[in-house]
Amino acid sequence: MSPKVLFIKIGFGSILLLGGGLQAEAQVAPGSPVSSIQLPQLAGSEGTEAIVRAIQLGVKYPRPALRDGTQGQSMVTFAVAPNGQVCLLQMKYGLRADLDSAVIQAVRQLPRLQPATQHGQPVACLMSAPVTFLLTNPEHLPRQPLPALDSTQVYSAVTRLPTYRGQAGFKQLSADLTATYLQLTQGMTCGVPRYGRTIVATLGPSGTLYDVQLAPRDMALVTSLENKFGNQVIKEEADEGDELPDACVAKIAEAARRLPRLTPAYVGGRPVAMRVLLALSMPRP
């Protein structure tokens, strides 16, 4: 079996876009670098954090979204070609058209990057980055109603984000999920992929997490990358794959159930179920 295309996730703490200001939280899974692989980076910088910061600086909170008080999580995927050009942009998890366009535009405006290399040769690389739109004082903003409330609907765009341990955003929640998962899997052949893994879950109106699963690989995007660049594509190496056995995925779900209850998301003053994107990733040393 030929090696699979390697997906690189960046900015696991999410990029937080605050109404009235910006804040970036970037994290990639640590570990001694694999000698044959170097990840893409901005010229003159080291690591993917600089790419996250460049996306953060490029995203502007659209005025209609500010007016409506719309918040939520999204995730953008893109490829870095062997010549360093960004291409194949798409929203893996979107919010609404104007917010998604703002993210795509920011990635499109990235300067030419230093490409990924494998065995010293430039290769095309798939990357993904989460973006969280967060308003600092949503209760003071005039709002237009979002779609009618539906007790069976899981929302992505809300008027108030959930909070965990008194804080909005998902960095601490992801860190606690990873820590609890590692505790539960002691003695098992489970681990955390070197470049992390995105977890998709539903946060219910009661503040508990359920329907916890791994974000699926976008095989259509992988195919597009291979069709465009042929064999000049980064491949998984030993201990670098992001697949986890079913028993390990079950432990992630158990870890989520053991976390403290959150304050749920709200739409129009009522708690609702919300899709959340979390990161299974090792903390930086």
Protein backbone atom coordinates (compact mmCIF):
# COMPACT_ATOMS: atom_id res chain seq x y z
CA MET A 1 0.00 0.00 0.00
CA SER A 2 1.41 3.40 -0.97
CA PRO A 3 1.77 6.03 1.79
CA LYS A 4 -1.17 8.37 2.26
CA VAL A 5 -1.00 12.11 1.72
CA LEU A 6 -0.06 13.86 4.96
CA PHE A 7 -2.47 16.52 6.24
CA ILE A 8 -0.90 19.31 8.33
CA LYS A 9 -3.08 21.10 10.88
CA ILE A 10 -1.94 24.48 12.15
CA GLY A 11 -3.21 26.91 14.77
CA PHE A 12 -4.82 24.33 17.05
CA GLY A 13 -5.56 26.91 19.70
CA SER A 14 -7.61 28.61 16.97
CA ILE A 15 -7.27 32.09 15.58
CA LEU A 16 -9.53 34.28 17.68
CA LEU A 17 -10.99 37.29 15.92
CA LEU A 18 -12.35 39.68 18.50
CA GLY A 19 -14.74 42.45 17.67
CA GLY A 20 -12.68 45.60 18.15
CA GLY A 21 -9.37 43.74 18.10
CA LEU A 22 -7.56 40.57 17.11
CA GLN A 23 -5.91 37.86 19.14
CA ALA A 24 -4.05 34.84 17.78
CA GLU A 25 -3.48 31.59 19.60
CA ALA A 26 -1.30 29.19 17.61
CA GLN A 27 -0.23 25.70 18.55
CA VAL A 28 1.27 22.77 16.68
CA ALA A 29 2.03 19.38 18.16
CA PRO A 30 5.62 19.23 19.38
CA GLY A 31 8.16 16.49 19.12
CA SER A 32 11.59 16.17 17.66
CA PRO A 33 11.38 17.19 14.01
CA VAL A 34 11.33 14.39 11.48
CA SER A 35 14.56 14.69 9.53
CA SER A 36 12.99 14.11 6.12
CA ILE A 37 10.08 16.60 6.50
CA GLN A 38 10.13 20.36 6.85
CA LEU A 39 6.78 22.14 7.01
CA PRO A 40 5.91 25.25 4.98
CA GLN A 41 6.81 28.57 6.53
CA LEU A 42 6.92 32.26 5.79
CA ALA A 43 10.20 33.56 4.43
CA GLY A 44 12.34 34.74 7.32
CA SER A 45 10.27 32.91 9.94
CA GLU A 46 10.39 29.49 11.56
CA GLY A 47 7.42 27.26 12.25
CA THR A 48 3.80 27.46 11.18
CA GLU A 49 2.91 30.05 13.85
CA ALA A 50 3.92 32.85 11.48
CA ILE A 51 1.45 31.54 8.88
CA VAL A 52 -1.28 31.56 11.52
CA ARG A 53 -0.42 35.15 12.45
CA ALA A 54 -0.51 36.20 8.80
CA ILE A 55 -3.99 34.71 8.37
CA GLN A 56 -5.09 36.37 11.61
CA LEU A 57 -3.94 39.78 10.46
CA GLY A 58 -5.64 39.33 7.10
CA VAL A 59 -9.12 38.40 8.35
CA LYS A 60 -11.51 41.30 8.90
CA TYR A 61 -14.72 40.80 10.87
CA PRO A 62 -17.44 41.70 8.28
CA ARG A 63 -19.66 44.58 9.31
CA PRO A 64 -22.94 42.67 8.68
CA ALA A 65 -21.72 39.89 10.98
CA LEU A 66 -20.80 42.45 13.63
CA ARG A 67 -24.21 44.06 13.29
CA ASP A 68 -25.96 40.69 13.59
CA GLY A 69 -23.81 39.60 16.51
CA THR A 70 -22.83 36.42 14.66
CA GLN A 71 -20.09 34.28 16.19
CA GLY A 72 -18.78 30.77 15.70
CA GLN A 73 -16.01 28.45 14.58
CA SER A 74 -14.87 27.75 11.06
CA MET A 75 -12.01 25.84 9.48
CA VAL A 76 -10.20 26.59 6.22
CA THR A 77 -8.10 24.13 4.24
CA PHE A 78 -5.58 24.98 1.56
CA ALA A 79 -2.56 23.59 -0.23
CA VAL A 80 0.95 24.98 -0.47
CA ALA A 81 2.41 24.09 -3.86
CA PRO A 82 6.04 23.03 -4.39
CA ASN A 83 6.74 26.59 -5.54
CA GLY A 84 5.25 28.00 -2.31
CA GLN A 85 2.04 29.30 -3.89
CA VAL A 86 -1.19 28.87 -1.89
CA CYS A 87 -3.94 27.09 -3.85
CA LEU A 88 -6.96 24.77 -3.55
CA LEU A 89 -8.63 26.93 -0.89
CA GLN A 90 -11.92 25.83 0.59
CA MET A 91 -13.91 26.03 3.80
CA LYS A 92 -14.02 22.65 5.50
CA TYR A 93 -16.42 23.99 8.13
CA GLY A 94 -18.12 27.27 7.29
CA LEU A 95 -20.32 29.73 9.15
CA ARG A 96 -22.03 32.04 6.68
CA ALA A 97 -21.05 33.55 3.35
CA ASP A 98 -19.49 36.82 4.53
CA LEU A 99 -17.46 35.23 7.33
CA ASP A 100 -16.29 32.42 5.07
CA SER A 101 -15.29 34.91 2.37
CA ALA A 102 -13.26 36.90 4.91
CA VAL A 103 -11.28 33.79 5.85
CA ILE A 104 -10.72 32.70 2.24
CA GLN A 105 -9.57 36.20 1.30
CA ALA A 106 -7.06 36.27 4.15
CA VAL A 107 -5.54 32.96 3.08
CA ARG A 108 -5.52 34.04 -0.57
CA GLN A 109 -3.49 37.11 0.39
CA LEU A 110 -0.72 35.10 2.03
CA PRO A 111 2.66 35.84 0.45
CA ARG A 112 4.50 33.08 -1.35
CA LEU A 113 5.68 30.61 1.28
CA GLN A 114 8.73 28.48 1.60
CA PRO A 115 7.25 25.11 0.56
CA ALA A 116 7.30 21.91 2.51
CA THR A 117 10.21 19.60 1.77
CA GLN A 118 10.54 15.86 2.09
CA HIS A 119 13.94 14.22 1.71
CA GLY A 120 15.21 17.64 0.71
CA GLN A 121 12.80 18.03 -2.22
CA PRO A 122 9.96 20.61 -2.37
CA VAL A 123 6.54 18.99 -2.19
CA ALA A 124 2.91 20.08 -2.15
CA CYS A 125 1.30 20.05 1.29
CA LEU A 126 -2.29 20.22 2.55
CA MET A 127 -2.92 22.44 5.56
CA SER A 128 -5.92 23.40 7.68
CA ALA A 129 -6.45 26.13 10.25
CA PRO A 130 -9.41 26.85 12.55
CA VAL A 131 -10.77 30.38 12.86
CA THR A 132 -13.04 31.45 15.72
CA PHE A 133 -15.09 34.62 15.38
CA LEU A 134 -15.68 36.01 18.86
CA LEU A 135 -17.33 39.28 19.93
CA THR A 136 -16.15 40.85 23.15
CA ASN A 137 -19.45 42.52 24.10
CA PRO A 138 -22.24 40.92 22.05
CA GLU A 139 -24.98 42.02 24.45
CA HIS A 140 -24.28 45.64 23.50
CA LEU A 141 -24.63 45.05 19.76
CA PRO A 142 -27.90 45.36 17.86
CA ARG A 143 -28.82 41.96 16.51
CA GLN A 144 -30.82 40.67 13.60
CA PRO A 145 -32.35 37.25 14.24
CA LEU A 146 -30.62 34.13 12.97
CA PRO A 147 -32.74 31.28 11.56
CA ALA A 148 -35.66 30.23 13.73
CA LEU A 149 -34.77 28.10 16.73
CA ASP A 150 -35.15 24.38 16.28
CA SER A 151 -34.53 22.03 19.19
CA THR A 152 -33.19 19.38 16.78
CA GLN A 153 -30.91 21.75 14.87
CA VAL A 154 -27.20 21.93 15.54
CA TYR A 155 -25.97 25.48 14.92
CA SER A 156 -22.59 26.67 13.74
CA ALA A 157 -23.38 30.42 13.80
CA VAL A 158 -24.65 31.69 17.14
CA THR A 159 -25.10 35.01 18.94
CA ARG A 160 -23.17 33.93 22.03
CA LEU A 161 -20.35 31.42 22.09
CA PRO A 162 -20.16 28.79 24.83
CA THR A 163 -17.78 29.35 27.72
CA TYR A 164 -15.58 26.83 29.49
CA ARG A 165 -14.26 27.53 32.98
CA GLY A 166 -15.54 31.08 32.57
CA GLN A 167 -13.71 31.78 29.30
CA ALA A 168 -14.88 31.94 25.69
CA GLY A 169 -12.80 30.20 23.07
CA PHE A 170 -11.75 26.58 22.84
CA LYS A 171 -8.04 26.42 23.67
CA GLN A 172 -8.42 25.32 27.31
CA LEU A 173 -11.25 22.95 26.41
CA SER A 174 -9.04 21.28 23.80
CA ALA A 175 -6.12 21.09 26.25
CA ASP A 176 -8.29 19.45 28.93
CA LEU A 177 -9.76 17.03 26.38
CA THR A 178 -6.25 15.95 25.35
CA ALA A 179 -5.05 15.62 28.94
CA THR A 180 -8.08 13.53 29.98
CA TYR A 181 -7.74 11.34 26.87
CA LEU A 182 -4.07 10.67 27.66
CA GLN A 183 -4.98 9.71 31.23
CA LEU A 184 -7.68 7.31 30.02
CA THR A 185 -5.39 5.66 27.47
CA GLN A 186 -2.42 4.94 29.72
CA GLY A 187 -1.24 1.44 28.92
CA MET A 188 -3.08 1.43 25.57
CA THR A 189 -1.56 1.77 22.11
CA CYS A 190 -3.23 5.15 21.69
CA GLY A 191 -1.50 8.45 21.28
CA VAL A 192 -1.75 11.89 19.76
CA PRO A 193 -0.77 12.27 16.09
CA ARG A 194 2.36 14.38 15.61
CA TYR A 195 0.44 17.07 13.73
CA GLY A 196 -2.69 16.75 15.85
CA ARG A 197 -6.22 15.76 14.96
CA THR A 198 -9.38 17.81 14.67
CA ILE A 199 -12.32 16.60 16.76
CA VAL A 200 -15.90 17.47 15.81
CA ALA A 201 -18.49 17.35 18.58
CA THR A 202 -21.91 18.72 19.48
CA LEU A 203 -22.31 20.87 22.58
CA GLY A 204 -25.87 20.47 23.77
CA PRO A 205 -28.09 23.13 25.36
CA SER A 206 -27.33 21.50 28.72
CA GLY A 207 -23.62 22.25 28.28
CA THR A 208 -22.45 18.66 27.71
CA LEU A 209 -20.49 17.32 24.73
CA TYR A 210 -21.80 14.42 22.67
CA ASP A 211 -21.52 12.90 19.16
CA VAL A 212 -17.74 13.19 19.44
CA GLN A 213 -15.84 12.01 16.37
CA LEU A 214 -12.74 12.58 14.29
CA ALA A 215 -13.11 15.13 11.52
CA PRO A 216 -13.10 13.07 8.30
CA ARG A 217 -10.27 13.34 5.82
CA ASP A 218 -11.29 15.27 2.70
CA MET A 219 -10.46 12.65 0.10
CA ALA A 220 -11.74 14.85 -2.74
CA LEU A 221 -9.17 17.48 -1.78
CA VAL A 222 -6.44 14.83 -1.54
CA THR A 223 -7.37 13.64 -5.03
CA SER A 224 -7.26 17.21 -6.36
CA LEU A 225 -3.80 17.66 -4.85
CA GLU A 226 -2.48 14.44 -6.38
CA ASN A 227 -4.03 15.26 -9.75
CA LYS A 228 -2.41 18.68 -9.72
CA PHE A 229 1.06 17.75 -8.47
CA GLY A 230 1.39 14.02 -9.12
CA ASN A 231 4.08 12.38 -7.00
CA GLN A 232 5.39 15.75 -5.82
CA VAL A 233 3.15 15.57 -2.73
CA ILE A 234 4.14 15.14 0.92
CA LYS A 235 3.49 11.61 2.20
CA GLU A 236 2.99 10.12 5.63
CA GLU A 237 6.00 8.49 7.25
CA ALA A 238 6.32 6.15 10.21
CA ASP A 239 4.48 7.43 13.31
CA GLU A 240 3.11 10.44 11.43
CA GLY A 241 -0.33 9.25 10.36
CA ASP A 242 -3.40 10.86 11.91
CA GLU A 243 -5.61 7.78 11.99
CA LEU A 244 -6.64 6.42 15.39
CA PRO A 245 -8.13 2.99 16.20
CA ASP A 246 -11.81 2.85 17.12
CA ALA A 247 -10.90 2.04 20.74
CA CYS A 248 -8.92 5.27 20.95
CA VAL A 249 -11.72 7.31 19.38
CA ALA A 250 -14.08 5.84 21.99
CA LYS A 251 -11.69 7.10 24.69
CA ILE A 252 -11.81 10.61 23.17
CA ALA A 253 -15.61 10.51 23.49
CA GLU A 254 -15.30 9.27 27.09
CA ALA A 255 -12.82 12.06 27.86
CA ALA A 256 -15.30 14.62 26.50
CA ARG A 257 -18.04 13.26 28.77
CA ARG A 258 -15.77 13.64 31.80
CA LEU A 259 -15.05 17.32 31.23
CA PRO A 260 -16.81 19.95 33.36
CA ARG A 261 -20.09 21.19 31.97
CA LEU A 262 -19.88 24.28 29.74
CA THR A 263 -22.13 27.28 29.53
CA PRO A 264 -23.90 26.53 26.23
CA ALA A 265 -24.16 28.57 23.06
CA TYR A 266 -27.12 30.92 22.63
CA VAL A 267 -29.20 32.12 19.72
CA GLY A 268 -31.78 34.82 20.35
CA GLY A 269 -31.45 34.50 24.12
CA ARG A 270 -32.05 30.73 24.23
CA PRO A 271 -29.50 27.91 24.65
CA VAL A 272 -28.99 25.79 21.55
CA ALA A 273 -26.91 22.84 20.37
CA MET A 274 -23.72 23.94 18.59
CA ARG A 275 -21.13 22.21 16.45
CA VAL A 276 -17.71 22.69 18.01
CA LEU A 277 -14.23 22.00 16.64
CA LEU A 278 -11.65 20.84 19.16
CA ALA A 279 -8.01 19.88 18.85
CA LEU A 280 -6.39 16.69 20.01
CA SER A 281 -2.81 17.94 20.17
CA MET A 282 0.16 17.75 22.48
CA PRO A 283 0.91 20.92 24.45
CA ARG A 284 3.98 22.90 23.52
CA PRO A 285 6.88 22.45 25.93
